[in-house]
Amino acid sequence: MDWRDEGALLTVRQHGETSAIVEVFTAAHGRHAGVVRGGASRKVAPLLQPGAQLDLTWRARLDDHIGTFTVEPLRSRAGVLSDRLALAALNSVCALLHATLPEREPHPGLYTATVGLLDSLGAPTAWVLAYLRWELMLLEELGYGLDLTSCAVTGSREDLAYVSPKSGRAVARGAAGQWADRLLPLPPCLLGQGPADPVELAAGMTTTGYFLEHRLFPDLGTRPLPEARRRFAAMVARQG
């Protein structure tokens, strides 16, 4: 069995004295693991950094074996190392994909969005907003999408200001009433109305983070929300 694909590196761990087991996110083969022979060597190890874009060839005797990867670097994305916020975002992306995606299940749309986000990190653009929308897409892909199209109470599409933590649906400001303090914020940037200021971005991270932590991750078992995501959210909150 063998295939060739391109993917973003999510995790690396040493395997024996000289090899490494890597996990990648690819367009056609989803989240996939394999052994890189010599992956712990001085020559190869620097290429195997989380976030790196790789050309991959996977081989195994049987399809359900872990198999081996032959890797060729395409982009290192090492530029984020000089930007603490961008590095925190990269680590959060890799940690969330590692923790949430089913093995070997393709998510081509999410893959395309992920590569675009990773390529934008550290650039002088509104990439934090792109990250926030990426979390919305991750929730949607895994069956926990938010319905922000209209108010859950009145059906109105106007003045949407909150999200119900129970239903994941939008709530208009006038319909929230005495329950407003129990609802999650719905900043305009979550509705696709940008650009977003730091306060809005922090509010958006609070809302997506709630559904990650209290809806998605409990259904995955005992795994907690990754610490990398908590650190990134805390950095965004400090900016806001």
C-alpha atoms as a PDB file:
ATOM      1  CA  MET A   1       0.000   0.000   0.000  1.00  0.00           C
ATOM      2  CA  ASP A   2       1.298   3.456  -0.790  1.00  0.00           C
ATOM      3  CA  TRP A   3       0.151   6.994  -1.581  1.00  0.00           C
ATOM      4  CA  ARG A   4       1.602  10.445  -2.102  1.00  0.00           C
ATOM      5  CA  ASP A   5       0.086  13.649  -0.740  1.00  0.00           C
ATOM      6  CA  GLU A   6       0.948  17.019   0.742  1.00  0.00           C
ATOM      7  CA  GLY A   7       0.287  17.895   4.354  1.00  0.00           C
ATOM      8  CA  ALA A   8       0.935  20.075   7.379  1.00  0.00           C
ATOM      9  CA  LEU A   9       2.899  18.524  10.230  1.00  0.00           C
ATOM     10  CA  LEU A  10       0.935  18.379  13.506  1.00  0.00           C
ATOM     11  CA  THR A  11       3.036  16.398  15.973  1.00  0.00           C
ATOM     12  CA  VAL A  12       6.427  14.701  16.240  1.00  0.00           C
ATOM     13  CA  ARG A  13       7.710  12.225  18.799  1.00  0.00           C
ATOM     14  CA  GLN A  14      10.921  10.253  18.853  1.00  0.00           C
ATOM     15  CA  HIS A  15      10.718   6.563  17.987  1.00  0.00           C
ATOM     16  CA  GLY A  16      13.704   4.500  18.995  1.00  0.00           C
ATOM     17  CA  GLU A  17      17.149   6.041  18.713  1.00  0.00           C
ATOM     18  CA  THR A  18      17.004   7.502  15.217  1.00  0.00           C
ATOM     19  CA  SER A  19      13.407   7.567  13.958  1.00  0.00           C
ATOM     20  CA  ALA A  20      10.338   9.698  14.653  1.00  0.00           C
ATOM     21  CA  ILE A  21       6.601   9.143  14.510  1.00  0.00           C
ATOM     22  CA  VAL A  22       4.916  12.095  12.863  1.00  0.00           C
ATOM     23  CA  GLU A  23       1.287  13.021  12.430  1.00  0.00           C
ATOM     24  CA  VAL A  24       0.205  15.135   9.477  1.00  0.00           C
ATOM     25  CA  PHE A  25      -3.005  16.666   8.176  1.00  0.00           C
ATOM     26  CA  THR A  26      -3.480  16.041   4.463  1.00  0.00           C
ATOM     27  CA  ALA A  27      -6.212  16.876   1.966  1.00  0.00           C
ATOM     28  CA  ALA A  28      -6.937  13.367   0.718  1.00  0.00           C
ATOM     29  CA  HIS A  29      -5.972  11.232   3.708  1.00  0.00           C
ATOM     30  CA  GLY A  30      -6.945  13.405   6.682  1.00  0.00           C
ATOM     31  CA  ARG A  31      -5.015  13.125   9.934  1.00  0.00           C
ATOM     32  CA  HIS A  32      -2.455  10.402   9.325  1.00  0.00           C
ATOM     33  CA  ALA A  33       0.516   9.046  11.270  1.00  0.00           C
ATOM     34  CA  GLY A  34       3.655   7.271  10.126  1.00  0.00           C
ATOM     35  CA  VAL A  35       7.282   6.595  10.961  1.00  0.00           C
ATOM     36  CA  VAL A  36      10.050   8.721   9.467  1.00  0.00           C
ATOM     37  CA  ARG A  37      13.263   6.711   9.351  1.00  0.00           C
ATOM     38  CA  GLY A  38      16.117   8.907  10.547  1.00  0.00           C
ATOM     39  CA  GLY A  39      13.618  11.495  11.716  1.00  0.00           C
ATOM     40  CA  ALA A  40      15.587  12.108  14.909  1.00  0.00           C
ATOM     41  CA  SER A  41      18.854  12.724  13.064  1.00  0.00           C
ATOM     42  CA  ARG A  42      20.575  16.110  12.935  1.00  0.00           C
ATOM     43  CA  LYS A  43      19.807  16.342   9.227  1.00  0.00           C
ATOM     44  CA  VAL A  44      16.099  15.534   9.308  1.00  0.00           C
ATOM     45  CA  ALA A  45      14.903  16.632  12.757  1.00  0.00           C
ATOM     46  CA  PRO A  46      15.115  20.394  11.995  1.00  0.00           C
ATOM     47  CA  LEU A  47      12.732  19.842   9.066  1.00  0.00           C
ATOM     48  CA  LEU A  48      10.124  18.156  11.254  1.00  0.00           C
ATOM     49  CA  GLN A  49       8.723  21.154  13.090  1.00  0.00           C
ATOM     50  CA  PRO A  50       4.970  21.517  13.780  1.00  0.00           C
ATOM     51  CA  GLY A  51       3.329  23.544  11.043  1.00  0.00           C
ATOM     52  CA  ALA A  52       5.838  22.582   8.357  1.00  0.00           C
ATOM     53  CA  GLN A  53       4.361  21.856   4.941  1.00  0.00           C
ATOM     54  CA  LEU A  54       5.640  18.548   3.590  1.00  0.00           C
ATOM     55  CA  ASP A  55       5.511  16.446   0.452  1.00  0.00           C
ATOM     56  CA  LEU A  56       4.725  12.959   1.746  1.00  0.00           C
ATOM     57  CA  THR A  57       4.959   9.415   0.468  1.00  0.00           C
ATOM     58  CA  TRP A  58       3.414   6.803   2.765  1.00  0.00           C
ATOM     59  CA  ARG A  59       4.065   3.079   2.467  1.00  0.00           C
ATOM     60  CA  ALA A  60       2.861   0.075   4.455  1.00  0.00           C
ATOM     61  CA  ARG A  61       2.428  -3.636   3.862  1.00  0.00           C
ATOM     62  CA  LEU A  62      -1.216  -3.423   4.936  1.00  0.00           C
ATOM     63  CA  ASP A  63      -3.541  -0.424   5.002  1.00  0.00           C
ATOM     64  CA  ASP A  64      -4.153  -0.636   8.758  1.00  0.00           C
ATOM     65  CA  HIS A  65      -0.431  -0.574   9.605  1.00  0.00           C
ATOM     66  CA  ILE A  66       1.180   2.657  10.814  1.00  0.00           C
ATOM     67  CA  GLY A  67       3.517   2.600   7.814  1.00  0.00           C
ATOM     68  CA  THR A  68       6.466   4.825   7.001  1.00  0.00           C
ATOM     69  CA  PHE A  69       6.723   8.309   5.546  1.00  0.00           C
ATOM     70  CA  THR A  70       9.288   9.656   3.142  1.00  0.00           C
ATOM     71  CA  VAL A  71       9.178  13.428   3.526  1.00  0.00           C
ATOM     72  CA  GLU A  72      10.391  16.380   1.496  1.00  0.00           C
ATOM     73  CA  PRO A  73      10.058  19.919   2.923  1.00  0.00           C
ATOM     74  CA  LEU A  74       7.935  22.407   1.000  1.00  0.00           C
ATOM     75  CA  ARG A  75       7.577  25.297   3.494  1.00  0.00           C
ATOM     76  CA  SER A  76       8.966  25.480   7.013  1.00  0.00           C
ATOM     77  CA  ARG A  77       6.805  28.353   8.336  1.00  0.00           C
ATOM     78  CA  ALA A  78       9.733  29.107  10.641  1.00  0.00           C
ATOM     79  CA  GLY A  79       8.961  32.815  10.291  1.00  0.00           C
ATOM     80  CA  VAL A  80       6.393  32.545  13.080  1.00  0.00           C
ATOM     81  CA  LEU A  81       9.157  31.855  15.614  1.00  0.00           C
ATOM     82  CA  SER A  82       9.824  35.589  15.860  1.00  0.00           C
ATOM     83  CA  ASP A  83       6.146  36.413  16.522  1.00  0.00           C
ATOM     84  CA  ARG A  84       4.857  35.090  19.863  1.00  0.00           C
ATOM     85  CA  LEU A  85       1.189  35.505  18.960  1.00  0.00           C
ATOM     86  CA  ALA A  86       1.567  33.796  15.583  1.00  0.00           C
ATOM     87  CA  LEU A  87       3.547  30.943  17.138  1.00  0.00           C
ATOM     88  CA  ALA A  88       0.837  30.494  19.769  1.00  0.00           C
ATOM     89  CA  ALA A  89      -1.789  30.358  17.018  1.00  0.00           C
ATOM     90  CA  LEU A  90       0.187  27.758  15.061  1.00  0.00           C
ATOM     91  CA  ASN A  91       0.549  25.597  18.162  1.00  0.00           C
ATOM     92  CA  SER A  92      -3.180  25.940  18.844  1.00  0.00           C
ATOM     93  CA  VAL A  93      -4.119  24.889  15.300  1.00  0.00           C
ATOM     94  CA  CYS A  94      -1.870  21.827  15.440  1.00  0.00           C
ATOM     95  CA  ALA A  95      -3.082  20.831  18.904  1.00  0.00           C
ATOM     96  CA  LEU A  96      -6.771  21.177  18.026  1.00  0.00           C
ATOM     97  CA  LEU A  97      -6.451  19.167  14.816  1.00  0.00           C
ATOM     98  CA  HIS A  98      -4.451  16.465  16.596  1.00  0.00           C
ATOM     99  CA  ALA A  99      -7.031  16.198  19.375  1.00  0.00           C
ATOM    100  CA  THR A 100     -10.256  16.395  17.379  1.00  0.00           C
ATOM    101  CA  LEU A 101      -9.952  14.928  13.891  1.00  0.00           C
ATOM    102  CA  PRO A 102     -10.739  11.251  13.378  1.00  0.00           C
ATOM    103  CA  GLU A 103      -7.778   9.355  11.957  1.00  0.00           C
ATOM    104  CA  ARG A 104      -7.603   8.987   8.177  1.00  0.00           C
ATOM    105  CA  GLU A 105     -10.881  10.826   7.560  1.00  0.00           C
ATOM    106  CA  PRO A 106     -10.540  13.437   4.781  1.00  0.00           C
ATOM    107  CA  HIS A 107     -11.707  16.994   5.437  1.00  0.00           C
ATOM    108  CA  PRO A 108     -10.599  18.743   2.225  1.00  0.00           C
ATOM    109  CA  GLY A 109     -12.353  22.043   2.912  1.00  0.00           C
ATOM    110  CA  LEU A 110     -10.907  22.286   6.403  1.00  0.00           C
ATOM    111  CA  TYR A 111      -7.508  21.298   5.037  1.00  0.00           C
ATOM    112  CA  THR A 112      -7.564  24.129   2.486  1.00  0.00           C
ATOM    113  CA  ALA A 113      -8.596  26.626   5.170  1.00  0.00           C
ATOM    114  CA  THR A 114      -5.898  25.333   7.518  1.00  0.00           C
ATOM    115  CA  VAL A 115      -3.109  25.701   4.962  1.00  0.00           C
ATOM    116  CA  GLY A 116      -4.314  29.210   4.112  1.00  0.00           C
ATOM    117  CA  LEU A 117      -4.356  30.163   7.790  1.00  0.00           C
ATOM    118  CA  LEU A 118      -0.902  28.712   8.495  1.00  0.00           C
ATOM    119  CA  ASP A 119       0.511  30.534   5.476  1.00  0.00           C
ATOM    120  CA  SER A 120      -0.918  33.845   6.737  1.00  0.00           C
ATOM    121  CA  LEU A 121       0.406  33.653  10.312  1.00  0.00           C
ATOM    122  CA  GLY A 122       2.701  36.512  11.185  1.00  0.00           C
ATOM    123  CA  ALA A 123       1.871  38.477   8.047  1.00  0.00           C
ATOM    124  CA  PRO A 124       0.731  42.100   8.457  1.00  0.00           C
ATOM    125  CA  THR A 125      -2.884  41.139   7.840  1.00  0.00           C
ATOM    126  CA  ALA A 126      -5.946  40.358   9.936  1.00  0.00           C
ATOM    127  CA  TRP A 127      -4.955  36.733  10.453  1.00  0.00           C
ATOM    128  CA  VAL A 128      -6.374  36.574  13.998  1.00  0.00           C
ATOM    129  CA  LEU A 129      -9.816  37.032  12.451  1.00  0.00           C
ATOM    130  CA  ALA A 130      -8.983  34.247   9.984  1.00  0.00           C
ATOM    131  CA  TYR A 131      -8.050  32.051  12.948  1.00  0.00           C
ATOM    132  CA  LEU A 132     -11.362  32.791  14.646  1.00  0.00           C
ATOM    133  CA  ARG A 133     -13.303  31.860  11.522  1.00  0.00           C
ATOM    134  CA  TRP A 134     -11.170  28.719  11.252  1.00  0.00           C
ATOM    135  CA  GLU A 135     -12.396  27.628  14.692  1.00  0.00           C
ATOM    136  CA  LEU A 136     -15.975  28.180  13.530  1.00  0.00           C
ATOM    137  CA  MET A 137     -15.233  25.961  10.536  1.00  0.00           C
ATOM    138  CA  LEU A 138     -13.649  23.278  12.724  1.00  0.00           C
ATOM    139  CA  LEU A 139     -16.792  23.167  14.873  1.00  0.00           C
ATOM    140  CA  GLU A 140     -18.960  22.973  11.748  1.00  0.00           C
ATOM    141  CA  GLU A 141     -16.878  20.170  10.194  1.00  0.00           C
ATOM    142  CA  LEU A 142     -17.175  18.047  13.316  1.00  0.00           C
ATOM    143  CA  GLY A 143     -20.909  18.513  13.749  1.00  0.00           C
ATOM    144  CA  TYR A 144     -20.941  21.307  16.329  1.00  0.00           C
ATOM    145  CA  GLY A 145     -21.602  24.257  14.047  1.00  0.00           C
ATOM    146  CA  LEU A 146     -23.234  27.436  15.310  1.00  0.00           C
ATOM    147  CA  ASP A 147     -26.398  28.790  13.692  1.00  0.00           C
ATOM    148  CA  LEU A 148     -25.833  32.534  13.509  1.00  0.00           C
ATOM    149  CA  THR A 149     -28.276  33.272  10.695  1.00  0.00           C
ATOM    150  CA  SER A 150     -31.258  34.456  12.731  1.00  0.00           C
ATOM    151  CA  CYS A 151     -32.535  34.938  16.285  1.00  0.00           C
ATOM    152  CA  ALA A 152     -33.562  31.723  18.013  1.00  0.00           C
ATOM    153  CA  VAL A 153     -36.389  33.572  19.796  1.00  0.00           C
ATOM    154  CA  THR A 154     -37.888  35.902  17.172  1.00  0.00           C
ATOM    155  CA  GLY A 155     -36.461  34.665  13.869  1.00  0.00           C
ATOM    156  CA  SER A 156     -35.156  38.171  13.165  1.00  0.00           C
ATOM    157  CA  ARG A 157     -31.865  38.677  11.346  1.00  0.00           C
ATOM    158  CA  GLU A 158     -31.365  42.146  12.831  1.00  0.00           C
ATOM    159  CA  ASP A 159     -29.231  43.220  15.805  1.00  0.00           C
ATOM    160  CA  LEU A 160     -27.917  39.748  16.588  1.00  0.00           C
ATOM    161  CA  ALA A 161     -25.763  40.194  19.693  1.00  0.00           C
ATOM    162  CA  TYR A 162     -25.585  36.899  21.600  1.00  0.00           C
ATOM    163  CA  VAL A 163     -25.231  33.139  21.197  1.00  0.00           C
ATOM    164  CA  SER A 164     -27.151  30.650  23.296  1.00  0.00           C
ATOM    165  CA  PRO A 165     -24.700  28.307  25.057  1.00  0.00           C
ATOM    166  CA  LYS A 166     -27.342  25.563  24.965  1.00  0.00           C
ATOM    167  CA  SER A 167     -28.426  25.651  21.338  1.00  0.00           C
ATOM    168  CA  GLY A 168     -25.546  27.408  19.603  1.00  0.00           C
ATOM    169  CA  ARG A 169     -28.059  29.753  17.954  1.00  0.00           C
ATOM    170  CA  ALA A 170     -27.929  33.525  17.698  1.00  0.00           C
ATOM    171  CA  VAL A 171     -30.108  35.726  19.892  1.00  0.00           C
ATOM    172  CA  ALA A 172     -31.095  39.318  19.084  1.00  0.00           C
ATOM    173  CA  ARG A 173     -30.260  42.011  21.604  1.00  0.00           C
ATOM    174  CA  GLY A 174     -33.896  42.893  22.247  1.00  0.00           C
ATOM    175  CA  ALA A 175     -34.905  39.268  22.720  1.00  0.00           C
ATOM    176  CA  ALA A 176     -32.246  38.458  25.326  1.00  0.00           C
ATOM    177  CA  GLY A 177     -33.999  40.252  28.167  1.00  0.00           C
ATOM    178  CA  GLN A 178     -33.040  39.115  31.662  1.00  0.00           C
ATOM    179  CA  TRP A 179     -31.050  36.215  30.206  1.00  0.00           C
ATOM    180  CA  ALA A 180     -28.444  38.431  28.534  1.00  0.00           C
ATOM    181  CA  ASP A 181     -25.808  37.827  31.201  1.00  0.00           C
ATOM    182  CA  ARG A 182     -26.127  34.065  30.659  1.00  0.00           C
ATOM    183  CA  LEU A 183     -25.530  34.259  26.915  1.00  0.00           C
ATOM    184  CA  LEU A 184     -22.273  34.271  25.001  1.00  0.00           C
ATOM    185  CA  PRO A 185     -21.124  37.321  23.027  1.00  0.00           C
ATOM    186  CA  LEU A 186     -21.732  37.486  19.286  1.00  0.00           C
ATOM    187  CA  PRO A 187     -19.353  40.128  17.928  1.00  0.00           C
ATOM    188  CA  PRO A 188     -19.899  41.294  14.331  1.00  0.00           C
ATOM    189  CA  CYS A 189     -16.726  39.513  13.206  1.00  0.00           C
ATOM    190  CA  LEU A 190     -18.389  36.135  13.849  1.00  0.00           C
ATOM    191  CA  LEU A 191     -21.139  37.209  11.468  1.00  0.00           C
ATOM    192  CA  GLY A 192     -18.612  37.975   8.736  1.00  0.00           C
ATOM    193  CA  GLN A 193     -18.811  41.689   9.397  1.00  0.00           C
ATOM    194  CA  GLY A 194     -15.231  42.914   9.640  1.00  0.00           C
ATOM    195  CA  PRO A 195     -12.665  44.170  10.174  1.00  0.00           C
ATOM    196  CA  ALA A 196     -12.570  43.329  13.860  1.00  0.00           C
ATOM    197  CA  ASP A 197     -10.927  45.203  16.700  1.00  0.00           C
ATOM    198  CA  PRO A 198      -9.057  43.370  19.516  1.00  0.00           C
ATOM    199  CA  VAL A 199     -12.068  43.495  21.855  1.00  0.00           C
ATOM    200  CA  GLU A 200     -14.301  41.806  19.262  1.00  0.00           C
ATOM    201  CA  LEU A 201     -11.671  39.160  18.549  1.00  0.00           C
ATOM    202  CA  ALA A 202     -11.338  38.353  22.246  1.00  0.00           C
ATOM    203  CA  ALA A 203     -15.139  38.089  22.544  1.00  0.00           C
ATOM    204  CA  GLY A 204     -15.264  35.778  19.544  1.00  0.00           C
ATOM    205  CA  MET A 205     -12.582  33.551  21.041  1.00  0.00           C
ATOM    206  CA  THR A 206     -14.648  33.316  24.221  1.00  0.00           C
ATOM    207  CA  THR A 207     -17.635  32.048  22.256  1.00  0.00           C
ATOM    208  CA  THR A 208     -15.871  29.530  20.034  1.00  0.00           C
ATOM    209  CA  GLY A 209     -13.833  28.418  23.036  1.00  0.00           C
ATOM    210  CA  TYR A 210     -17.002  27.673  24.992  1.00  0.00           C
ATOM    211  CA  PHE A 211     -18.277  25.268  22.337  1.00  0.00           C
ATOM    212  CA  LEU A 212     -14.881  23.644  21.962  1.00  0.00           C
ATOM    213  CA  GLU A 213     -14.487  23.115  25.691  1.00  0.00           C
ATOM    214  CA  HIS A 214     -18.063  22.349  26.739  1.00  0.00           C
ATOM    215  CA  ARG A 215     -19.513  20.639  23.669  1.00  0.00           C
ATOM    216  CA  LEU A 216     -16.872  19.130  21.379  1.00  0.00           C
ATOM    217  CA  PHE A 217     -14.214  17.976  23.829  1.00  0.00           C
ATOM    218  CA  PRO A 218     -16.569  16.318  26.359  1.00  0.00           C
ATOM    219  CA  ASP A 219     -17.848  14.148  23.531  1.00  0.00           C
ATOM    220  CA  LEU A 220     -14.288  13.108  22.689  1.00  0.00           C
ATOM    221  CA  GLY A 221     -13.851  11.480  26.094  1.00  0.00           C
ATOM    222  CA  THR A 222     -11.440  12.493  28.810  1.00  0.00           C
ATOM    223  CA  ARG A 223      -9.217  14.751  26.728  1.00  0.00           C
ATOM    224  CA  PRO A 224      -9.251  18.360  27.936  1.00  0.00           C
ATOM    225  CA  LEU A 225      -9.094  21.430  25.723  1.00  0.00           C
ATOM    226  CA  PRO A 226      -5.431  21.688  24.642  1.00  0.00           C
ATOM    227  CA  GLU A 227      -3.288  24.009  26.725  1.00  0.00           C
ATOM    228  CA  ALA A 228      -1.968  25.520  23.489  1.00  0.00           C
ATOM    229  CA  ARG A 229      -5.448  26.819  22.690  1.00  0.00           C
ATOM    230  CA  ARG A 230      -5.840  28.254  26.195  1.00  0.00           C
ATOM    231  CA  ARG A 231      -2.521  30.095  25.892  1.00  0.00           C
ATOM    232  CA  PHE A 232      -3.426  31.591  22.528  1.00  0.00           C
ATOM    233  CA  ALA A 233      -6.866  32.698  23.752  1.00  0.00           C
ATOM    234  CA  ALA A 234      -5.254  34.323  26.801  1.00  0.00           C
ATOM    235  CA  MET A 235      -2.855  36.263  24.561  1.00  0.00           C
ATOM    236  CA  VAL A 236      -5.725  37.489  22.370  1.00  0.00           C
ATOM    237  CA  ALA A 237      -7.686  38.477  25.497  1.00  0.00           C
ATOM    238  CA  ARG A 238      -4.757  40.538  26.799  1.00  0.00           C
ATOM    239  CA  GLN A 239      -4.627  42.415  23.508  1.00  0.00           C
ATOM    240  CA  GLY A 240      -8.342  43.126  23.789  1.00  0.00           C
END
